[in-house]
Amino acid sequence: MREPRFNIVEVYVFAIVDNKIEYLVLKPNREKAAHSLKWQIVHGKVKSNETYSSAAVRELYEETGLKPKKLFTFVEVDSYFDIKENCITISPVFAAQTNRDAIIRLSSEHDDYKWVRYESMKKIMTKRHNKFAQNISKQTLSEGLLLIEVRV
């Protein structure tokens, strides 16, 4: 049996527009995609010399060219079975607030992007992604306790 993997971070990129949350979702490059998801969030591996939060900021910049105005982390983690790696992955989840009008520079991992509200996001993302997106929407606008701001 393989050991769980702890070297992945997930980053939900969001902006507040007219007092509503919009999420940045990325379309994976079909030739490089490890799975068949049509849209995904920012995610990637943690390097051996970095913290989870610094990995989240780095991955955000590498995949989109964005830097967060604020970075939050959840008090809970995400977990899923990675069929390609044949292992369970347990990853911290971050929410990166940015400006909606910021210039996005996609990496070669992605072909396209779009900003969507939660109602649209839940139609194109997995249930586990939607759970975190819903919590970001609720907590960010109401100053809840599930999200903790991280200094960057």
N, C-alpha and C. Protein backbone atom coordinates (compact mmCIF):
# COMPACT_ATOMS: atom_id res chain seq x y z
N MET A 1 0.85 -1.19 0.00
CA MET A 1 0.00 0.00 0.00
C MET A 1 0.89 1.25 0.00
N ARG A 2 0.54 2.21 -0.84
CA ARG A 2 1.32 3.45 -0.93
C ARG A 2 0.94 4.40 0.20
N GLU A 3 1.91 5.17 0.62
CA GLU A 3 1.67 6.20 1.63
C GLU A 3 0.92 7.38 1.01
N PRO A 4 0.13 8.08 1.79
CA PRO A 4 -0.54 9.28 1.25
C PRO A 4 0.49 10.32 0.82
N ARG A 5 0.11 11.14 -0.10
CA ARG A 5 0.97 12.20 -0.63
C ARG A 5 0.53 13.53 -0.02
N PHE A 6 1.50 14.31 0.46
CA PHE A 6 1.23 15.58 1.12
C PHE A 6 1.90 16.76 0.44
N ASN A 7 2.29 16.63 -0.82
CA ASN A 7 3.09 17.66 -1.47
C ASN A 7 2.35 18.48 -2.53
N ILE A 8 1.04 18.61 -2.40
CA ILE A 8 0.21 19.36 -3.34
C ILE A 8 -0.50 20.50 -2.61
N VAL A 9 -0.62 21.65 -3.25
CA VAL A 9 -1.43 22.75 -2.73
C VAL A 9 -2.53 23.06 -3.74
N GLU A 10 -3.66 23.52 -3.24
CA GLU A 10 -4.77 23.95 -4.08
C GLU A 10 -5.04 25.41 -3.78
N VAL A 11 -5.29 26.19 -4.84
CA VAL A 11 -5.51 27.63 -4.67
C VAL A 11 -6.76 28.05 -5.44
N TYR A 12 -7.75 28.54 -4.71
CA TYR A 12 -8.95 29.10 -5.31
C TYR A 12 -8.72 30.59 -5.47
N VAL A 13 -8.68 31.06 -6.69
CA VAL A 13 -8.44 32.47 -6.98
C VAL A 13 -9.80 33.15 -7.08
N PHE A 14 -9.97 34.25 -6.34
CA PHE A 14 -11.25 34.92 -6.38
C PHE A 14 -11.08 36.43 -6.37
N ALA A 15 -12.14 37.11 -6.82
CA ALA A 15 -12.20 38.57 -6.78
C ALA A 15 -13.61 38.94 -6.31
N ILE A 16 -13.70 40.05 -5.64
CA ILE A 16 -15.01 40.55 -5.22
C ILE A 16 -15.43 41.63 -6.21
N VAL A 17 -16.58 41.38 -6.89
CA VAL A 17 -17.10 42.29 -7.89
C VAL A 17 -18.55 42.59 -7.54
N ASP A 18 -18.86 43.85 -7.31
CA ASP A 18 -20.22 44.25 -6.92
C ASP A 18 -20.73 43.44 -5.73
N ASN A 19 -19.86 43.27 -4.75
CA ASN A 19 -20.17 42.54 -3.52
C ASN A 19 -20.54 41.07 -3.76
N LYS A 20 -20.04 40.52 -4.85
CA LYS A 20 -20.22 39.10 -5.15
C LYS A 20 -18.85 38.52 -5.46
N ILE A 21 -18.70 37.23 -5.17
CA ILE A 21 -17.44 36.54 -5.43
C ILE A 21 -17.45 35.96 -6.85
N GLU A 22 -16.34 36.19 -7.56
CA GLU A 22 -16.11 35.53 -8.84
C GLU A 22 -14.82 34.72 -8.72
N TYR A 23 -14.82 33.52 -9.29
CA TYR A 23 -13.68 32.61 -9.22
C TYR A 23 -13.01 32.50 -10.57
N LEU A 24 -11.70 32.41 -10.54
CA LEU A 24 -10.94 32.18 -11.76
C LEU A 24 -10.80 30.67 -11.94
N VAL A 25 -11.24 30.16 -13.07
CA VAL A 25 -11.07 28.74 -13.39
C VAL A 25 -10.25 28.65 -14.66
N LEU A 26 -9.45 27.59 -14.73
CA LEU A 26 -8.50 27.42 -15.82
C LEU A 26 -8.82 26.18 -16.63
N LYS A 27 -8.69 26.30 -17.93
CA LYS A 27 -8.93 25.15 -18.81
C LYS A 27 -7.58 24.48 -19.08
N PRO A 28 -7.44 23.21 -18.68
CA PRO A 28 -6.14 22.55 -18.88
C PRO A 28 -5.81 22.33 -20.35
N ASN A 29 -4.53 22.41 -20.65
CA ASN A 29 -4.03 22.11 -21.98
C ASN A 29 -4.27 20.61 -22.20
N ARG A 30 -5.03 20.27 -23.19
CA ARG A 30 -5.42 18.87 -23.43
C ARG A 30 -4.23 17.94 -23.60
N GLU A 31 -3.17 18.43 -24.21
CA GLU A 31 -1.99 17.58 -24.44
C GLU A 31 -1.22 17.31 -23.16
N LYS A 32 -1.33 18.21 -22.17
CA LYS A 32 -0.56 18.06 -20.94
C LYS A 32 -1.42 17.63 -19.75
N ALA A 33 -2.73 17.56 -19.94
CA ALA A 33 -3.64 17.27 -18.84
C ALA A 33 -3.44 15.86 -18.30
N ALA A 34 -3.42 15.76 -16.98
CA ALA A 34 -3.27 14.46 -16.32
C ALA A 34 -4.63 13.80 -16.10
N HIS A 35 -5.71 14.52 -16.36
CA HIS A 35 -7.06 14.01 -16.13
C HIS A 35 -8.00 14.68 -17.12
N SER A 36 -9.25 14.33 -17.06
CA SER A 36 -10.21 14.82 -18.05
C SER A 36 -11.08 15.98 -17.55
N LEU A 37 -10.70 16.64 -16.46
CA LEU A 37 -11.50 17.77 -16.00
C LEU A 37 -11.51 18.86 -17.06
N LYS A 38 -12.67 19.46 -17.28
CA LYS A 38 -12.76 20.52 -18.27
C LYS A 38 -12.20 21.83 -17.73
N TRP A 39 -12.40 22.07 -16.44
CA TRP A 39 -11.90 23.29 -15.80
C TRP A 39 -11.28 22.91 -14.46
N GLN A 40 -10.32 23.70 -14.02
CA GLN A 40 -9.66 23.38 -12.76
C GLN A 40 -9.24 24.67 -12.05
N ILE A 41 -8.82 24.49 -10.81
CA ILE A 41 -8.27 25.59 -10.04
C ILE A 41 -6.76 25.54 -10.12
N VAL A 42 -6.10 26.56 -9.61
CA VAL A 42 -4.64 26.56 -9.52
C VAL A 42 -4.24 25.48 -8.52
N HIS A 43 -3.25 24.69 -8.89
CA HIS A 43 -2.74 23.67 -7.97
C HIS A 43 -1.34 23.26 -8.42
N GLY A 44 -0.60 22.66 -7.52
CA GLY A 44 0.73 22.21 -7.90
C GLY A 44 1.50 21.64 -6.73
N LYS A 45 2.70 21.20 -7.03
CA LYS A 45 3.54 20.54 -6.04
C LYS A 45 4.32 21.54 -5.19
N VAL A 46 4.51 21.15 -3.94
CA VAL A 46 5.32 21.92 -2.99
C VAL A 46 6.76 21.46 -3.15
N LYS A 47 7.66 22.43 -3.29
CA LYS A 47 9.08 22.09 -3.38
C LYS A 47 9.61 21.80 -1.99
N SER A 48 10.69 21.05 -1.90
CA SER A 48 11.22 20.60 -0.61
C SER A 48 11.65 21.75 0.30
N ASN A 49 12.00 22.88 -0.26
CA ASN A 49 12.49 24.00 0.54
C ASN A 49 11.45 25.08 0.83
N GLU A 50 10.16 24.82 0.56
CA GLU A 50 9.18 25.88 0.74
C GLU A 50 8.02 25.47 1.64
N THR A 51 7.36 26.46 2.20
CA THR A 51 6.17 26.23 3.02
C THR A 51 4.98 26.03 2.08
N TYR A 52 3.89 25.53 2.63
CA TYR A 52 2.69 25.37 1.82
C TYR A 52 2.19 26.72 1.30
N SER A 53 2.20 27.74 2.15
CA SER A 53 1.71 29.05 1.70
C SER A 53 2.61 29.66 0.63
N SER A 54 3.92 29.50 0.75
CA SER A 54 4.79 30.04 -0.30
C SER A 54 4.62 29.24 -1.60
N ALA A 55 4.34 27.95 -1.49
CA ALA A 55 4.06 27.15 -2.69
C ALA A 55 2.77 27.62 -3.36
N ALA A 56 1.77 27.97 -2.56
CA ALA A 56 0.50 28.47 -3.11
C ALA A 56 0.72 29.76 -3.89
N VAL A 57 1.51 30.68 -3.32
CA VAL A 57 1.79 31.95 -3.99
C VAL A 57 2.60 31.71 -5.26
N ARG A 58 3.59 30.83 -5.20
CA ARG A 58 4.41 30.52 -6.38
C ARG A 58 3.57 29.89 -7.48
N GLU A 59 2.75 28.89 -7.13
CA GLU A 59 1.91 28.24 -8.13
C GLU A 59 0.92 29.22 -8.77
N LEU A 60 0.37 30.10 -7.95
CA LEU A 60 -0.54 31.13 -8.47
C LEU A 60 0.18 31.97 -9.52
N TYR A 61 1.38 32.40 -9.20
CA TYR A 61 2.15 33.24 -10.13
C TYR A 61 2.56 32.45 -11.37
N GLU A 62 3.04 31.22 -11.19
CA GLU A 62 3.48 30.42 -12.35
C GLU A 62 2.34 30.11 -13.30
N GLU A 63 1.16 29.82 -12.78
CA GLU A 63 0.05 29.40 -13.63
C GLU A 63 -0.76 30.55 -14.21
N THR A 64 -0.73 31.73 -13.54
CA THR A 64 -1.59 32.84 -13.97
C THR A 64 -0.88 34.19 -14.10
N GLY A 65 0.31 34.31 -13.54
CA GLY A 65 0.99 35.60 -13.52
C GLY A 65 0.45 36.54 -12.45
N LEU A 66 -0.44 36.05 -11.59
CA LEU A 66 -1.06 36.89 -10.56
C LEU A 66 -0.33 36.79 -9.23
N LYS A 67 -0.42 37.87 -8.46
CA LYS A 67 0.04 37.88 -7.08
C LYS A 67 -1.18 38.20 -6.22
N PRO A 68 -1.34 37.53 -5.09
CA PRO A 68 -2.55 37.76 -4.28
C PRO A 68 -2.51 39.09 -3.53
N LYS A 69 -3.68 39.74 -3.46
CA LYS A 69 -3.83 40.89 -2.55
C LYS A 69 -3.86 40.39 -1.12
N LYS A 70 -4.59 39.28 -0.94
CA LYS A 70 -4.68 38.60 0.35
C LYS A 70 -4.67 37.11 0.08
N LEU A 71 -4.11 36.36 1.02
CA LEU A 71 -4.10 34.91 0.93
C LEU A 71 -4.71 34.34 2.20
N PHE A 72 -5.64 33.41 2.03
CA PHE A 72 -6.32 32.76 3.15
C PHE A 72 -6.06 31.27 3.06
N THR A 73 -6.15 30.61 4.20
CA THR A 73 -6.12 29.15 4.21
C THR A 73 -7.33 28.65 4.99
N PHE A 74 -7.76 27.46 4.67
CA PHE A 74 -8.86 26.82 5.38
C PHE A 74 -8.34 26.10 6.61
N VAL A 75 -9.21 25.88 7.57
CA VAL A 75 -8.83 25.07 8.73
C VAL A 75 -8.95 23.58 8.41
N GLU A 76 -9.49 23.25 7.25
CA GLU A 76 -9.59 21.86 6.83
C GLU A 76 -8.77 21.64 5.57
N VAL A 77 -8.49 20.40 5.25
CA VAL A 77 -7.71 20.05 4.06
C VAL A 77 -8.61 19.33 3.05
N ASP A 78 -8.13 19.22 1.84
CA ASP A 78 -8.82 18.46 0.81
C ASP A 78 -8.13 17.11 0.69
N SER A 79 -8.89 16.10 0.34
CA SER A 79 -8.30 14.78 0.12
C SER A 79 -9.03 14.10 -1.03
N TYR A 80 -8.26 13.36 -1.82
CA TYR A 80 -8.84 12.66 -2.95
C TYR A 80 -7.90 11.54 -3.38
N PHE A 81 -8.43 10.62 -4.16
CA PHE A 81 -7.62 9.52 -4.69
C PHE A 81 -7.14 9.90 -6.07
N ASP A 82 -5.84 9.87 -6.26
CA ASP A 82 -5.22 10.18 -7.55
C ASP A 82 -4.97 8.86 -8.26
N ILE A 83 -5.81 8.56 -9.22
CA ILE A 83 -5.72 7.28 -9.91
C ILE A 83 -4.42 7.13 -10.69
N LYS A 84 -3.93 8.21 -11.28
CA LYS A 84 -2.70 8.15 -12.07
C LYS A 84 -1.50 7.80 -11.19
N GLU A 85 -1.44 8.40 -10.00
CA GLU A 85 -0.34 8.15 -9.06
C GLU A 85 -0.62 6.96 -8.13
N ASN A 86 -1.86 6.45 -8.17
CA ASN A 86 -2.29 5.35 -7.32
C ASN A 86 -2.05 5.65 -5.84
N CYS A 87 -2.48 6.84 -5.42
CA CYS A 87 -2.31 7.19 -4.01
C CYS A 87 -3.36 8.22 -3.58
N ILE A 88 -3.51 8.31 -2.30
CA ILE A 88 -4.39 9.32 -1.71
C ILE A 88 -3.59 10.60 -1.55
N THR A 89 -4.17 11.71 -1.94
CA THR A 89 -3.52 13.01 -1.81
C THR A 89 -4.27 13.83 -0.77
N ILE A 90 -3.53 14.39 0.15
CA ILE A 90 -4.09 15.26 1.18
C ILE A 90 -3.40 16.61 1.01
N SER A 91 -4.20 17.65 0.76
CA SER A 91 -3.58 18.94 0.45
C SER A 91 -4.25 20.09 1.19
N PRO A 92 -3.44 21.07 1.61
CA PRO A 92 -4.01 22.28 2.18
C PRO A 92 -4.69 23.09 1.07
N VAL A 93 -5.70 23.86 1.45
CA VAL A 93 -6.47 24.63 0.49
C VAL A 93 -6.31 26.11 0.82
N PHE A 94 -6.00 26.90 -0.21
CA PHE A 94 -5.82 28.33 -0.06
C PHE A 94 -6.83 29.07 -0.93
N ALA A 95 -7.13 30.29 -0.52
CA ALA A 95 -7.97 31.19 -1.30
C ALA A 95 -7.16 32.46 -1.51
N ALA A 96 -6.94 32.82 -2.76
CA ALA A 96 -6.14 34.00 -3.08
C ALA A 96 -7.04 35.07 -3.66
N GLN A 97 -7.15 36.19 -2.95
CA GLN A 97 -7.95 37.31 -3.45
C GLN A 97 -7.08 38.16 -4.37
N THR A 98 -7.64 38.51 -5.52
CA THR A 98 -6.94 39.32 -6.50
C THR A 98 -7.92 40.32 -7.11
N ASN A 99 -7.44 41.15 -8.00
CA ASN A 99 -8.31 42.09 -8.71
C ASN A 99 -8.85 41.42 -9.96
N ARG A 100 -10.12 41.60 -10.22
CA ARG A 100 -10.79 41.00 -11.38
C ARG A 100 -10.18 41.52 -12.69
N ASP A 101 -9.70 42.75 -12.68
CA ASP A 101 -9.17 43.35 -13.91
C ASP A 101 -7.66 43.16 -14.06
N ALA A 102 -7.05 42.35 -13.20
CA ALA A 102 -5.61 42.08 -13.31
C ALA A 102 -5.33 41.31 -14.60
N ILE A 103 -4.18 41.53 -15.17
CA ILE A 103 -3.80 40.85 -16.41
C ILE A 103 -3.37 39.42 -16.07
N ILE A 104 -3.99 38.47 -16.75
CA ILE A 104 -3.69 37.05 -16.52
C ILE A 104 -2.78 36.55 -17.63
N ARG A 105 -1.69 35.92 -17.22
CA ARG A 105 -0.70 35.36 -18.14
C ARG A 105 -0.65 33.86 -17.86
N LEU A 106 -1.32 33.09 -18.70
CA LEU A 106 -1.41 31.64 -18.47
C LEU A 106 -0.10 30.93 -18.78
N SER A 107 0.18 29.89 -17.99
CA SER A 107 1.32 29.03 -18.27
C SER A 107 0.94 28.08 -19.40
N SER A 108 1.90 27.30 -19.87
CA SER A 108 1.63 26.33 -20.94
C SER A 108 0.73 25.19 -20.47
N GLU A 109 0.48 25.10 -19.15
CA GLU A 109 -0.40 24.05 -18.62
C GLU A 109 -1.87 24.30 -18.97
N HIS A 110 -2.20 25.57 -19.35
CA HIS A 110 -3.60 25.94 -19.56
C HIS A 110 -3.80 26.62 -20.90
N ASP A 111 -4.98 26.38 -21.47
CA ASP A 111 -5.34 26.97 -22.76
C ASP A 111 -6.23 28.19 -22.64
N ASP A 112 -6.98 28.28 -21.55
CA ASP A 112 -7.96 29.36 -21.43
C ASP A 112 -8.32 29.55 -19.96
N TYR A 113 -9.03 30.62 -19.70
CA TYR A 113 -9.52 30.89 -18.34
C TYR A 113 -10.84 31.63 -18.43
N LYS A 114 -11.57 31.64 -17.34
CA LYS A 114 -12.75 32.49 -17.26
C LYS A 114 -13.06 32.76 -15.79
N TRP A 115 -13.74 33.87 -15.56
CA TRP A 115 -14.21 34.23 -14.23
C TRP A 115 -15.67 33.80 -14.14
N VAL A 116 -16.01 33.09 -13.08
CA VAL A 116 -17.38 32.60 -12.91
C VAL A 116 -17.86 32.83 -11.47
N ARG A 117 -19.14 33.01 -11.33
CA ARG A 117 -19.74 33.05 -9.99
C ARG A 117 -20.00 31.62 -9.54
N TYR A 118 -20.27 31.47 -8.25
CA TYR A 118 -20.45 30.13 -7.69
C TYR A 118 -21.53 29.34 -8.43
N GLU A 119 -22.62 30.00 -8.79
CA GLU A 119 -23.73 29.30 -9.47
C GLU A 119 -23.25 28.63 -10.76
N SER A 120 -22.36 29.29 -11.48
CA SER A 120 -21.82 28.70 -12.71
C SER A 120 -20.71 27.70 -12.41
N MET A 121 -19.95 27.98 -11.37
CA MET A 121 -18.83 27.10 -11.02
C MET A 121 -19.33 25.71 -10.65
N LYS A 122 -20.44 25.65 -9.93
CA LYS A 122 -20.89 24.33 -9.48
C LYS A 122 -21.36 23.45 -10.64
N LYS A 123 -21.55 24.03 -11.82
CA LYS A 123 -21.93 23.25 -12.99
C LYS A 123 -20.72 22.67 -13.72
N ILE A 124 -19.54 23.23 -13.49
CA ILE A 124 -18.38 22.82 -14.27
C ILE A 124 -17.25 22.21 -13.43
N MET A 125 -17.42 22.20 -12.11
CA MET A 125 -16.36 21.68 -11.23
C MET A 125 -16.89 20.48 -10.43
N THR A 126 -15.99 19.77 -9.77
CA THR A 126 -16.38 18.62 -8.96
C THR A 126 -17.05 19.07 -7.67
N LYS A 127 -17.72 18.13 -7.00
CA LYS A 127 -18.39 18.45 -5.74
C LYS A 127 -17.42 18.93 -4.67
N ARG A 128 -16.24 18.32 -4.61
CA ARG A 128 -15.28 18.76 -3.60
C ARG A 128 -14.80 20.18 -3.86
N HIS A 129 -14.61 20.55 -5.14
CA HIS A 129 -14.24 21.92 -5.46
C HIS A 129 -15.37 22.88 -5.09
N ASN A 130 -16.58 22.47 -5.37
CA ASN A 130 -17.72 23.34 -5.09
C ASN A 130 -17.90 23.59 -3.60
N LYS A 131 -17.58 22.59 -2.79
CA LYS A 131 -17.69 22.76 -1.33
C LYS A 131 -16.76 23.88 -0.86
N PHE A 132 -15.53 23.88 -1.31
CA PHE A 132 -14.59 24.92 -0.90
C PHE A 132 -14.99 26.28 -1.47
N ALA A 133 -15.43 26.31 -2.73
CA ALA A 133 -15.85 27.58 -3.34
C ALA A 133 -17.04 28.17 -2.59
N GLN A 134 -17.98 27.32 -2.21
CA GLN A 134 -19.15 27.81 -1.46
C GLN A 134 -18.71 28.38 -0.11
N ASN A 135 -17.79 27.72 0.54
CA ASN A 135 -17.29 28.22 1.83
C ASN A 135 -16.56 29.55 1.67
N ILE A 136 -15.81 29.71 0.60
CA ILE A 136 -15.13 30.98 0.35
C ILE A 136 -16.17 32.09 0.17
N SER A 137 -17.19 31.82 -0.62
CA SER A 137 -18.24 32.82 -0.84
C SER A 137 -18.89 33.24 0.47
N LYS A 138 -19.25 32.27 1.28
CA LYS A 138 -19.94 32.56 2.54
C LYS A 138 -19.01 33.26 3.52
N GLN A 139 -17.80 32.74 3.67
CA GLN A 139 -16.90 33.24 4.71
C GLN A 139 -16.28 34.59 4.36
N THR A 140 -15.93 34.78 3.12
CA THR A 140 -15.26 36.02 2.74
C THR A 140 -16.18 37.21 2.88
N LEU A 141 -17.41 37.06 2.48
CA LEU A 141 -18.34 38.18 2.53
C LEU A 141 -18.91 38.41 3.92
N SER A 142 -18.83 37.40 4.81
CA SER A 142 -19.40 37.56 6.15
C SER A 142 -18.34 37.55 7.25
N GLU A 143 -17.04 37.54 6.85
CA GLU A 143 -15.95 37.53 7.83
C GLU A 143 -16.06 36.33 8.78
N GLY A 144 -16.22 35.15 8.22
CA GLY A 144 -16.36 33.95 9.03
C GLY A 144 -15.04 33.42 9.57
N LEU A 145 -15.09 32.28 10.23
CA LEU A 145 -13.92 31.73 10.90
C LEU A 145 -13.24 30.58 10.17
N LEU A 146 -13.80 30.11 9.06
CA LEU A 146 -13.21 28.98 8.37
C LEU A 146 -11.96 29.37 7.57
N LEU A 147 -11.84 30.65 7.25
CA LEU A 147 -10.70 31.11 6.49
C LEU A 147 -9.77 31.91 7.41
N ILE A 148 -8.50 31.64 7.32
CA ILE A 148 -7.50 32.34 8.13
C ILE A 148 -6.56 33.06 7.18
N GLU A 149 -6.36 34.37 7.39
CA GLU A 149 -5.47 35.11 6.50
C GLU A 149 -4.02 34.73 6.78
N VAL A 150 -3.27 34.55 5.70
CA VAL A 150 -1.86 34.19 5.78
C VAL A 150 -1.06 35.39 5.28
N ARG A 151 -0.02 35.76 5.99
CA ARG A 151 0.83 36.88 5.53
C ARG A 151 1.71 36.41 4.38
N VAL A 152 1.73 37.22 3.32
CA VAL A 152 2.55 36.88 2.16
C VAL A 152 3.56 37.98 1.88
